[in-house]
Amino acid sequence: MLREVQQLGAFSADGLGPGDLLRPWDVDLGFTLPEPAEVHWTVLAPVSVAVLGEQFLARAARRPSVLGRLAGRSVSRVHALALHDALTNLKHVETRLLVQFWHLAERWGRVGPEGIPISMPLRHEMLAKLVGATRPSVTTALGRLATRGLLTRDAGGVWLLHPDARHAVEPLPVQPDTRLPA
């Protein structure tokens, strides 16, 4: 599923998939903001949802390992959102797309002989929201990545992340902290 958030005319999106844990009553940004945000959900593939209500929690409270696994899923969601935040702050849209597709490949891809196919119906507009860019910038960047043989899409809509794409993402050099200690 894709969760899209619109705030003050800007859009953002993040993906949810198998094993992700959320509380529906918390995901609509119910906290107070200067301007209300709109949240929209898009189902990209058939989805199964388990509702873990009060009865489940009462029973799970007697099994610390179950609650520990649920807490672990929550922490994984926080880590995924931190990664999403970091990738939307990368300088180049091509780099953002490659990092996003590596993240998608890690979660939903399967290694094949030509690379990692990712069977998700992601349009350029959705990708733009996922990487914090405009749709025209994403279209241009995808064209460049295809020309370089790093990321392609077949006629059936399956994205293929080529093995060389991992080496195309160059980490930025870490700048030493020059601030004086407090």
N, C-alpha and C. Protein backbone atom coordinates (compact mmCIF):
# COMPACT_ATOMS: atom_id res chain seq x y z
N MET A 1 0.85 -1.17 0.00
CA MET A 1 0.00 0.00 0.00
C MET A 1 0.89 1.23 0.00
N LEU A 2 0.35 2.30 -0.52
CA LEU A 2 1.05 3.56 -0.55
C LEU A 2 0.24 4.56 0.25
N ARG A 3 0.88 5.20 1.22
CA ARG A 3 0.22 6.25 2.00
C ARG A 3 0.74 7.58 1.47
N GLU A 4 -0.17 8.41 0.98
CA GLU A 4 0.19 9.72 0.46
C GLU A 4 -0.31 10.79 1.42
N VAL A 5 0.56 11.75 1.70
CA VAL A 5 0.22 12.84 2.60
C VAL A 5 0.38 14.15 1.85
N GLN A 6 -0.65 14.99 1.90
CA GLN A 6 -0.57 16.32 1.29
C GLN A 6 -0.64 17.36 2.41
N GLN A 7 0.35 18.24 2.41
CA GLN A 7 0.43 19.29 3.43
C GLN A 7 0.86 20.57 2.75
N LEU A 8 0.03 21.61 2.82
CA LEU A 8 0.34 22.92 2.25
C LEU A 8 0.76 22.83 0.78
N GLY A 9 0.08 21.98 0.01
CA GLY A 9 0.35 21.85 -1.41
C GLY A 9 1.52 20.94 -1.75
N ALA A 10 2.24 20.43 -0.76
CA ALA A 10 3.35 19.51 -1.00
C ALA A 10 2.87 18.08 -0.72
N PHE A 11 3.47 17.13 -1.44
CA PHE A 11 3.10 15.73 -1.30
C PHE A 11 4.27 14.91 -0.81
N SER A 12 3.96 13.87 -0.08
CA SER A 12 4.95 12.88 0.33
C SER A 12 4.24 11.53 0.31
N ALA A 13 5.01 10.48 0.22
CA ALA A 13 4.41 9.14 0.24
C ALA A 13 5.39 8.17 0.86
N ASP A 14 4.85 7.13 1.45
CA ASP A 14 5.68 6.03 1.94
C ASP A 14 4.92 4.74 1.70
N GLY A 15 5.67 3.66 1.61
CA GLY A 15 5.07 2.37 1.30
C GLY A 15 4.93 1.49 2.53
N LEU A 16 3.89 0.70 2.55
CA LEU A 16 3.67 -0.28 3.60
C LEU A 16 3.46 -1.63 2.95
N GLY A 17 3.93 -2.65 3.61
CA GLY A 17 3.80 -3.99 3.05
C GLY A 17 3.69 -5.03 4.14
N PRO A 18 3.90 -6.28 3.75
CA PRO A 18 3.76 -7.39 4.70
C PRO A 18 4.59 -7.16 5.97
N GLY A 19 3.94 -7.37 7.08
CA GLY A 19 4.63 -7.25 8.36
C GLY A 19 4.62 -5.87 8.96
N ASP A 20 4.22 -4.86 8.19
CA ASP A 20 4.18 -3.51 8.75
C ASP A 20 3.03 -3.41 9.74
N LEU A 21 3.29 -2.70 10.78
CA LEU A 21 2.33 -2.55 11.87
C LEU A 21 1.92 -1.09 11.96
N LEU A 22 0.62 -0.85 12.04
CA LEU A 22 0.15 0.52 12.24
C LEU A 22 -1.19 0.47 12.93
N ARG A 23 -1.55 1.61 13.48
CA ARG A 23 -2.85 1.75 14.12
C ARG A 23 -3.65 2.72 13.27
N PRO A 24 -4.71 2.24 12.62
CA PRO A 24 -5.44 3.09 11.68
C PRO A 24 -5.89 4.42 12.28
N TRP A 25 -6.21 4.44 13.54
CA TRP A 25 -6.68 5.67 14.15
C TRP A 25 -5.53 6.65 14.41
N ASP A 26 -4.28 6.22 14.22
CA ASP A 26 -3.13 7.10 14.41
C ASP A 26 -2.51 7.58 13.10
N VAL A 27 -2.85 6.98 11.97
CA VAL A 27 -2.13 7.27 10.73
C VAL A 27 -2.70 8.43 9.94
N ASP A 28 -3.78 9.02 10.41
CA ASP A 28 -4.34 10.13 9.65
C ASP A 28 -3.86 11.48 10.16
N LEU A 29 -2.70 11.48 10.82
CA LEU A 29 -2.07 12.71 11.31
C LEU A 29 -3.02 13.50 12.21
N GLY A 30 -3.59 12.80 13.18
CA GLY A 30 -4.55 13.42 14.06
C GLY A 30 -3.98 14.49 14.98
N PHE A 31 -2.66 14.63 15.05
CA PHE A 31 -2.10 15.66 15.91
C PHE A 31 -2.31 17.03 15.28
N THR A 32 -2.23 18.06 16.07
CA THR A 32 -2.52 19.41 15.62
C THR A 32 -1.38 19.98 14.79
N LEU A 33 -1.72 20.45 13.61
CA LEU A 33 -0.79 21.12 12.71
C LEU A 33 -1.37 22.48 12.36
N PRO A 34 -0.52 23.43 11.96
CA PRO A 34 -1.05 24.74 11.59
C PRO A 34 -2.06 24.66 10.44
N GLU A 35 -1.87 23.72 9.56
CA GLU A 35 -2.76 23.51 8.42
C GLU A 35 -3.06 22.02 8.35
N PRO A 36 -4.31 21.63 8.23
CA PRO A 36 -4.62 20.19 8.20
C PRO A 36 -3.94 19.49 7.03
N ALA A 37 -3.55 18.26 7.26
CA ALA A 37 -2.97 17.42 6.21
C ALA A 37 -4.03 16.45 5.72
N GLU A 38 -3.93 16.08 4.46
CA GLU A 38 -4.82 15.07 3.90
C GLU A 38 -4.02 13.80 3.69
N VAL A 39 -4.62 12.67 4.04
CA VAL A 39 -3.97 11.37 3.87
C VAL A 39 -4.83 10.53 2.94
N HIS A 40 -4.18 9.95 1.92
CA HIS A 40 -4.86 9.07 0.97
C HIS A 40 -4.09 7.76 0.90
N TRP A 41 -4.82 6.67 0.74
CA TRP A 41 -4.23 5.35 0.64
C TRP A 41 -4.46 4.79 -0.75
N THR A 42 -3.44 4.15 -1.32
CA THR A 42 -3.55 3.48 -2.60
C THR A 42 -3.10 2.04 -2.41
N VAL A 43 -3.95 1.12 -2.79
CA VAL A 43 -3.61 -0.30 -2.70
C VAL A 43 -2.94 -0.68 -4.02
N LEU A 44 -1.68 -1.11 -3.95
CA LEU A 44 -0.90 -1.44 -5.14
C LEU A 44 -1.00 -2.91 -5.51
N ALA A 45 -1.37 -3.74 -4.57
CA ALA A 45 -1.47 -5.18 -4.79
C ALA A 45 -2.48 -5.72 -3.79
N PRO A 46 -3.01 -6.92 -4.02
CA PRO A 46 -3.95 -7.48 -3.05
C PRO A 46 -3.35 -7.47 -1.65
N VAL A 47 -4.16 -7.13 -0.68
CA VAL A 47 -3.66 -6.92 0.67
C VAL A 47 -4.49 -7.70 1.68
N SER A 48 -3.83 -8.22 2.69
CA SER A 48 -4.51 -8.86 3.82
C SER A 48 -4.19 -8.04 5.05
N VAL A 49 -5.19 -7.82 5.86
CA VAL A 49 -5.01 -7.01 7.06
C VAL A 49 -5.49 -7.81 8.26
N ALA A 50 -4.72 -7.77 9.32
CA ALA A 50 -5.13 -8.39 10.57
C ALA A 50 -5.42 -7.27 11.56
N VAL A 51 -6.60 -7.27 12.12
CA VAL A 51 -6.97 -6.28 13.11
C VAL A 51 -6.72 -6.89 14.49
N LEU A 52 -5.80 -6.28 15.21
CA LEU A 52 -5.43 -6.77 16.53
C LEU A 52 -6.10 -5.87 17.57
N GLY A 53 -7.28 -6.26 18.00
CA GLY A 53 -8.08 -5.43 18.89
C GLY A 53 -7.79 -5.68 20.36
N GLU A 54 -8.69 -5.17 21.19
CA GLU A 54 -8.54 -5.26 22.64
C GLU A 54 -8.45 -6.70 23.13
N GLN A 55 -9.25 -7.58 22.55
CA GLN A 55 -9.23 -8.98 22.96
C GLN A 55 -7.86 -9.60 22.69
N PHE A 56 -7.30 -9.30 21.51
CA PHE A 56 -5.97 -9.81 21.18
C PHE A 56 -4.94 -9.29 22.18
N LEU A 57 -5.00 -7.99 22.47
CA LEU A 57 -4.02 -7.40 23.39
C LEU A 57 -4.12 -8.01 24.79
N ALA A 58 -5.32 -8.29 25.23
CA ALA A 58 -5.50 -8.91 26.55
C ALA A 58 -4.83 -10.28 26.59
N ARG A 59 -4.99 -11.05 25.52
CA ARG A 59 -4.35 -12.37 25.46
C ARG A 59 -2.84 -12.25 25.27
N ALA A 60 -2.43 -11.31 24.42
CA ALA A 60 -1.00 -11.14 24.14
C ALA A 60 -0.24 -10.66 25.36
N ALA A 61 -0.92 -9.96 26.25
CA ALA A 61 -0.26 -9.45 27.46
C ALA A 61 0.30 -10.59 28.30
N ARG A 62 -0.25 -11.78 28.15
CA ARG A 62 0.25 -12.95 28.88
C ARG A 62 1.41 -13.62 28.17
N ARG A 63 1.76 -13.12 27.00
CA ARG A 63 2.84 -13.70 26.20
C ARG A 63 3.82 -12.59 25.81
N PRO A 64 4.80 -12.32 26.66
CA PRO A 64 5.74 -11.23 26.37
C PRO A 64 6.44 -11.36 25.02
N SER A 65 6.66 -12.59 24.54
CA SER A 65 7.35 -12.76 23.25
C SER A 65 6.50 -12.19 22.10
N VAL A 66 5.17 -12.32 22.21
CA VAL A 66 4.29 -11.77 21.17
C VAL A 66 4.37 -10.25 21.18
N LEU A 67 4.29 -9.66 22.36
CA LEU A 67 4.38 -8.21 22.47
C LEU A 67 5.76 -7.72 22.04
N GLY A 68 6.78 -8.51 22.32
CA GLY A 68 8.13 -8.15 21.88
C GLY A 68 8.23 -8.13 20.36
N ARG A 69 7.60 -9.10 19.70
CA ARG A 69 7.60 -9.13 18.22
C ARG A 69 6.85 -7.93 17.66
N LEU A 70 5.72 -7.58 18.27
CA LEU A 70 4.96 -6.41 17.81
C LEU A 70 5.77 -5.13 18.01
N ALA A 71 6.45 -5.03 19.14
CA ALA A 71 7.31 -3.85 19.37
C ALA A 71 8.42 -3.81 18.32
N GLY A 72 8.97 -4.96 17.98
CA GLY A 72 10.01 -5.02 16.95
C GLY A 72 9.49 -4.54 15.60
N ARG A 73 8.26 -4.90 15.27
CA ARG A 73 7.65 -4.43 14.01
C ARG A 73 7.49 -2.91 14.04
N SER A 74 7.13 -2.36 15.18
CA SER A 74 6.99 -0.90 15.30
C SER A 74 8.34 -0.22 15.11
N VAL A 75 9.37 -0.78 15.70
CA VAL A 75 10.72 -0.21 15.55
C VAL A 75 11.16 -0.30 14.09
N SER A 76 10.86 -1.40 13.42
CA SER A 76 11.21 -1.53 12.00
C SER A 76 10.51 -0.46 11.17
N ARG A 77 9.28 -0.15 11.50
CA ARG A 77 8.53 0.91 10.79
C ARG A 77 9.20 2.26 11.00
N VAL A 78 9.65 2.53 12.22
CA VAL A 78 10.35 3.78 12.50
C VAL A 78 11.64 3.85 11.69
N HIS A 79 12.37 2.76 11.60
CA HIS A 79 13.61 2.73 10.82
C HIS A 79 13.32 2.98 9.34
N ALA A 80 12.25 2.38 8.82
CA ALA A 80 11.88 2.58 7.41
C ALA A 80 11.54 4.05 7.16
N LEU A 81 10.84 4.69 8.08
CA LEU A 81 10.51 6.11 7.92
C LEU A 81 11.74 6.99 8.02
N ALA A 82 12.70 6.61 8.85
CA ALA A 82 13.96 7.36 8.94
C ALA A 82 14.74 7.24 7.64
N LEU A 83 14.76 6.04 7.04
CA LEU A 83 15.40 5.85 5.74
C LEU A 83 14.71 6.71 4.69
N HIS A 84 13.38 6.71 4.71
CA HIS A 84 12.61 7.51 3.76
C HIS A 84 12.97 8.99 3.90
N ASP A 85 13.05 9.46 5.11
CA ASP A 85 13.42 10.87 5.35
C ASP A 85 14.82 11.15 4.83
N ALA A 86 15.75 10.25 5.07
CA ALA A 86 17.12 10.46 4.61
C ALA A 86 17.19 10.46 3.08
N LEU A 87 16.50 9.54 2.43
CA LEU A 87 16.61 9.48 0.97
C LEU A 87 15.96 10.68 0.30
N THR A 88 14.92 11.25 0.90
CA THR A 88 14.31 12.43 0.29
C THR A 88 15.21 13.66 0.43
N ASN A 89 16.25 13.56 1.23
CA ASN A 89 17.19 14.67 1.39
C ASN A 89 18.47 14.48 0.59
N LEU A 90 18.57 13.38 -0.17
CA LEU A 90 19.73 13.21 -1.04
C LEU A 90 19.67 14.24 -2.16
N LYS A 91 20.83 14.63 -2.66
CA LYS A 91 20.90 15.75 -3.59
C LYS A 91 20.30 15.45 -4.96
N HIS A 92 20.62 14.32 -5.56
CA HIS A 92 20.21 14.05 -6.94
C HIS A 92 19.02 13.10 -7.00
N VAL A 93 18.08 13.40 -7.89
CA VAL A 93 16.89 12.57 -8.03
C VAL A 93 17.26 11.16 -8.47
N GLU A 94 18.26 11.02 -9.34
CA GLU A 94 18.69 9.68 -9.76
C GLU A 94 19.13 8.85 -8.55
N THR A 95 19.90 9.47 -7.67
CA THR A 95 20.36 8.76 -6.47
C THR A 95 19.19 8.41 -5.58
N ARG A 96 18.25 9.33 -5.42
CA ARG A 96 17.06 9.05 -4.60
C ARG A 96 16.29 7.85 -5.15
N LEU A 97 16.13 7.84 -6.47
CA LEU A 97 15.41 6.72 -7.08
C LEU A 97 16.14 5.39 -6.89
N LEU A 98 17.45 5.40 -7.08
CA LEU A 98 18.20 4.15 -6.89
C LEU A 98 18.10 3.66 -5.46
N VAL A 99 18.24 4.56 -4.49
CA VAL A 99 18.13 4.16 -3.08
C VAL A 99 16.72 3.66 -2.80
N GLN A 100 15.71 4.35 -3.33
CA GLN A 100 14.32 3.91 -3.13
C GLN A 100 14.09 2.53 -3.72
N PHE A 101 14.60 2.30 -4.92
CA PHE A 101 14.40 0.99 -5.55
C PHE A 101 15.19 -0.11 -4.83
N TRP A 102 16.36 0.22 -4.26
CA TRP A 102 17.07 -0.79 -3.47
C TRP A 102 16.25 -1.14 -2.22
N HIS A 103 15.62 -0.13 -1.65
CA HIS A 103 14.76 -0.39 -0.48
C HIS A 103 13.57 -1.26 -0.89
N LEU A 104 12.93 -0.93 -2.01
CA LEU A 104 11.81 -1.75 -2.50
C LEU A 104 12.27 -3.17 -2.83
N ALA A 105 13.45 -3.27 -3.45
CA ALA A 105 13.99 -4.59 -3.80
C ALA A 105 14.25 -5.43 -2.56
N GLU A 106 14.75 -4.79 -1.53
CA GLU A 106 15.04 -5.51 -0.29
C GLU A 106 13.76 -6.06 0.32
N ARG A 107 12.68 -5.31 0.24
CA ARG A 107 11.44 -5.74 0.86
C ARG A 107 10.59 -6.64 -0.04
N TRP A 108 10.51 -6.31 -1.35
CA TRP A 108 9.55 -6.99 -2.21
C TRP A 108 10.15 -7.59 -3.47
N GLY A 109 11.42 -7.45 -3.69
CA GLY A 109 12.04 -7.99 -4.90
C GLY A 109 12.52 -9.41 -4.70
N ARG A 110 12.78 -10.07 -5.81
CA ARG A 110 13.35 -11.41 -5.81
C ARG A 110 14.51 -11.40 -6.78
N VAL A 111 15.66 -11.86 -6.34
CA VAL A 111 16.85 -11.85 -7.20
C VAL A 111 16.62 -12.80 -8.37
N GLY A 112 16.87 -12.27 -9.56
CA GLY A 112 16.75 -13.06 -10.79
C GLY A 112 18.06 -13.00 -11.56
N PRO A 113 18.14 -13.68 -12.69
CA PRO A 113 19.38 -13.73 -13.45
C PRO A 113 19.82 -12.38 -14.01
N GLU A 114 18.88 -11.48 -14.29
CA GLU A 114 19.21 -10.18 -14.88
C GLU A 114 19.27 -9.05 -13.85
N GLY A 115 18.87 -9.33 -12.62
CA GLY A 115 18.80 -8.31 -11.59
C GLY A 115 17.67 -8.62 -10.63
N ILE A 116 17.08 -7.59 -10.07
CA ILE A 116 15.99 -7.79 -9.11
C ILE A 116 14.71 -7.19 -9.69
N PRO A 117 13.77 -8.04 -10.12
CA PRO A 117 12.49 -7.52 -10.59
C PRO A 117 11.62 -7.08 -9.41
N ILE A 118 10.96 -5.96 -9.59
CA ILE A 118 10.06 -5.43 -8.56
C ILE A 118 8.71 -5.23 -9.23
N SER A 119 7.77 -6.09 -8.88
CA SER A 119 6.44 -6.07 -9.50
C SER A 119 5.50 -5.18 -8.71
N MET A 120 5.71 -3.90 -8.84
CA MET A 120 4.84 -2.93 -8.18
C MET A 120 4.40 -1.91 -9.22
N PRO A 121 3.11 -1.63 -9.30
CA PRO A 121 2.62 -0.68 -10.30
C PRO A 121 2.88 0.77 -9.88
N LEU A 122 4.13 1.16 -9.91
CA LEU A 122 4.51 2.52 -9.48
C LEU A 122 4.62 3.44 -10.69
N ARG A 123 3.70 4.38 -10.77
CA ARG A 123 3.74 5.38 -11.83
C ARG A 123 4.76 6.46 -11.45
N HIS A 124 5.16 7.24 -12.42
CA HIS A 124 6.14 8.30 -12.19
C HIS A 124 5.66 9.28 -11.11
N GLU A 125 4.38 9.57 -11.10
CA GLU A 125 3.83 10.48 -10.09
C GLU A 125 3.99 9.91 -8.68
N MET A 126 3.74 8.61 -8.52
CA MET A 126 3.90 7.97 -7.21
C MET A 126 5.37 7.97 -6.80
N LEU A 127 6.25 7.67 -7.75
CA LEU A 127 7.68 7.66 -7.44
C LEU A 127 8.14 9.05 -7.01
N ALA A 128 7.61 10.08 -7.65
CA ALA A 128 7.97 11.45 -7.28
C ALA A 128 7.61 11.72 -5.82
N LYS A 129 6.45 11.25 -5.40
CA LYS A 129 6.04 11.44 -4.00
C LYS A 129 6.91 10.63 -3.06
N LEU A 130 7.32 9.45 -3.49
CA LEU A 130 8.16 8.60 -2.64
C LEU A 130 9.55 9.20 -2.43
N VAL A 131 10.09 9.88 -3.45
CA VAL A 131 11.46 10.38 -3.34
C VAL A 131 11.54 11.89 -3.12
N GLY A 132 10.39 12.56 -2.97
CA GLY A 132 10.40 13.99 -2.70
C GLY A 132 10.87 14.82 -3.88
N ALA A 133 10.32 14.53 -5.06
CA ALA A 133 10.72 15.25 -6.27
C ALA A 133 9.46 15.54 -7.09
N THR A 134 9.63 16.23 -8.20
CA THR A 134 8.51 16.47 -9.10
C THR A 134 8.43 15.34 -10.12
N ARG A 135 7.24 15.13 -10.68
CA ARG A 135 7.06 14.08 -11.66
C ARG A 135 7.96 14.27 -12.89
N PRO A 136 8.08 15.50 -13.44
CA PRO A 136 8.98 15.64 -14.60
C PRO A 136 10.44 15.30 -14.26
N SER A 137 10.89 15.66 -13.06
CA SER A 137 12.27 15.33 -12.66
C SER A 137 12.46 13.83 -12.56
N VAL A 138 11.45 13.14 -12.06
CA VAL A 138 11.53 11.68 -11.94
C VAL A 138 11.55 11.04 -13.31
N THR A 139 10.71 11.53 -14.22
CA THR A 139 10.69 10.98 -15.58
C THR A 139 12.05 11.14 -16.24
N THR A 140 12.66 12.32 -16.11
CA THR A 140 13.99 12.56 -16.67
C THR A 140 15.03 11.65 -16.03
N ALA A 141 14.99 11.54 -14.71
CA ALA A 141 15.97 10.71 -13.99
C ALA A 141 15.80 9.23 -14.36
N LEU A 142 14.57 8.76 -14.49
CA LEU A 142 14.34 7.37 -14.89
C LEU A 142 14.89 7.10 -16.29
N GLY A 143 14.73 8.07 -17.17
CA GLY A 143 15.29 7.93 -18.52
C GLY A 143 16.81 7.82 -18.48
N ARG A 144 17.44 8.63 -17.64
CA ARG A 144 18.90 8.57 -17.51
C ARG A 144 19.35 7.23 -16.91
N LEU A 145 18.62 6.76 -15.91
CA LEU A 145 18.97 5.48 -15.29
C LEU A 145 18.80 4.33 -16.29
N ALA A 146 17.76 4.39 -17.12
CA ALA A 146 17.56 3.36 -18.14
C ALA A 146 18.68 3.41 -19.18
N THR A 147 19.06 4.62 -19.59
CA THR A 147 20.15 4.77 -20.56
C THR A 147 21.45 4.19 -20.01
N ARG A 148 21.67 4.35 -18.71
CA ARG A 148 22.87 3.83 -18.06
C ARG A 148 22.75 2.33 -17.77
N GLY A 149 21.57 1.76 -18.02
CA GLY A 149 21.39 0.33 -17.79
C GLY A 149 21.28 -0.05 -16.33
N LEU A 150 20.78 0.86 -15.49
CA LEU A 150 20.71 0.61 -14.06
C LEU A 150 19.32 0.24 -13.59
N LEU A 151 18.30 0.82 -14.21
CA LEU A 151 16.91 0.58 -13.80
C LEU A 151 16.05 0.67 -15.05
N THR A 152 15.31 -0.39 -15.32
CA THR A 152 14.44 -0.40 -16.50
C THR A 152 13.06 -0.91 -16.10
N ARG A 153 12.13 -0.71 -17.02
CA ARG A 153 10.76 -1.19 -16.80
C ARG A 153 10.32 -1.91 -18.05
N ASP A 154 9.78 -3.12 -17.88
CA ASP A 154 9.36 -3.87 -19.06
C ASP A 154 7.94 -3.49 -19.46
N ALA A 155 7.48 -4.05 -20.58
CA ALA A 155 6.16 -3.72 -21.12
C ALA A 155 5.04 -4.08 -20.15
N GLY A 156 5.29 -5.04 -19.26
CA GLY A 156 4.28 -5.44 -18.28
C GLY A 156 4.28 -4.58 -17.03
N GLY A 157 5.17 -3.59 -16.95
CA GLY A 157 5.21 -2.70 -15.81
C GLY A 157 6.12 -3.15 -14.68
N VAL A 158 6.87 -4.23 -14.89
CA VAL A 158 7.79 -4.72 -13.85
C VAL A 158 9.09 -3.93 -13.93
N TRP A 159 9.51 -3.37 -12.82
CA TRP A 159 10.77 -2.64 -12.73
C TRP A 159 11.89 -3.66 -12.56
N LEU A 160 13.03 -3.41 -13.19
CA LEU A 160 14.18 -4.29 -13.03
C LEU A 160 15.36 -3.45 -12.57
N LEU A 161 15.80 -3.73 -11.36
CA LEU A 161 16.97 -3.07 -10.80
C LEU A 161 18.17 -3.93 -11.15
N HIS A 162 19.03 -3.40 -12.00
CA HIS A 162 20.18 -4.16 -12.49
C HIS A 162 21.28 -4.22 -11.44
N PRO A 163 22.08 -5.28 -11.44
CA PRO A 163 23.11 -5.46 -10.42
C PRO A 163 24.10 -4.30 -10.33
N ASP A 164 24.43 -3.66 -11.44
CA ASP A 164 25.38 -2.54 -11.42
C ASP A 164 24.84 -1.31 -10.69
N ALA A 165 23.54 -1.28 -10.43
CA ALA A 165 22.94 -0.11 -9.78
C ALA A 165 23.49 0.10 -8.36
N ARG A 166 23.89 -0.99 -7.71
CA ARG A 166 24.42 -0.84 -6.34
C ARG A 166 25.70 -0.01 -6.34
N HIS A 167 26.52 -0.18 -7.36
CA HIS A 167 27.80 0.54 -7.43
C HIS A 167 27.63 1.96 -7.94
N ALA A 168 26.44 2.27 -8.48
CA ALA A 168 26.20 3.62 -9.01
C ALA A 168 25.86 4.61 -7.90
N VAL A 169 25.55 4.11 -6.72
CA VAL A 169 25.23 4.99 -5.60
C VAL A 169 26.51 5.23 -4.82
N GLU A 170 27.02 6.43 -4.92
CA GLU A 170 28.26 6.78 -4.22
C GLU A 170 27.92 7.50 -2.93
N PRO A 171 28.44 7.02 -1.81
CA PRO A 171 28.18 7.72 -0.56
C PRO A 171 28.91 9.06 -0.54
N LEU A 172 28.29 10.03 0.11
CA LEU A 172 28.94 11.32 0.28
C LEU A 172 30.02 11.20 1.34
N PRO A 173 31.13 11.92 1.18
CA PRO A 173 32.15 11.86 2.23
C PRO A 173 31.61 12.48 3.52
N VAL A 174 31.96 11.86 4.62
CA VAL A 174 31.53 12.35 5.92
C VAL A 174 32.38 13.56 6.29
N GLN A 175 31.70 14.64 6.62
CA GLN A 175 32.40 15.85 7.01
C GLN A 175 32.70 15.79 8.51
N PRO A 176 33.94 16.10 8.91
CA PRO A 176 34.23 16.09 10.35
C PRO A 176 33.46 17.18 11.06
N ASP A 177 33.10 16.92 12.29
CA ASP A 177 32.37 17.89 13.10
C ASP A 177 33.37 18.92 13.60
N THR A 178 33.23 20.15 13.13
CA THR A 178 34.19 21.21 13.48
C THR A 178 33.66 22.11 14.58
N ARG A 179 32.50 21.78 15.13
CA ARG A 179 31.95 22.59 16.21
C ARG A 179 32.79 22.40 17.47
N LEU A 180 32.85 23.44 18.25
CA LEU A 180 33.55 23.35 19.52
C LEU A 180 32.68 22.63 20.53
N PRO A 181 33.28 21.85 21.43
CA PRO A 181 32.46 21.17 22.44
C PRO A 181 31.78 22.21 23.33
N ALA A 182 30.59 21.86 23.79
CA ALA A 182 29.80 22.77 24.63
C ALA A 182 30.37 22.86 26.02
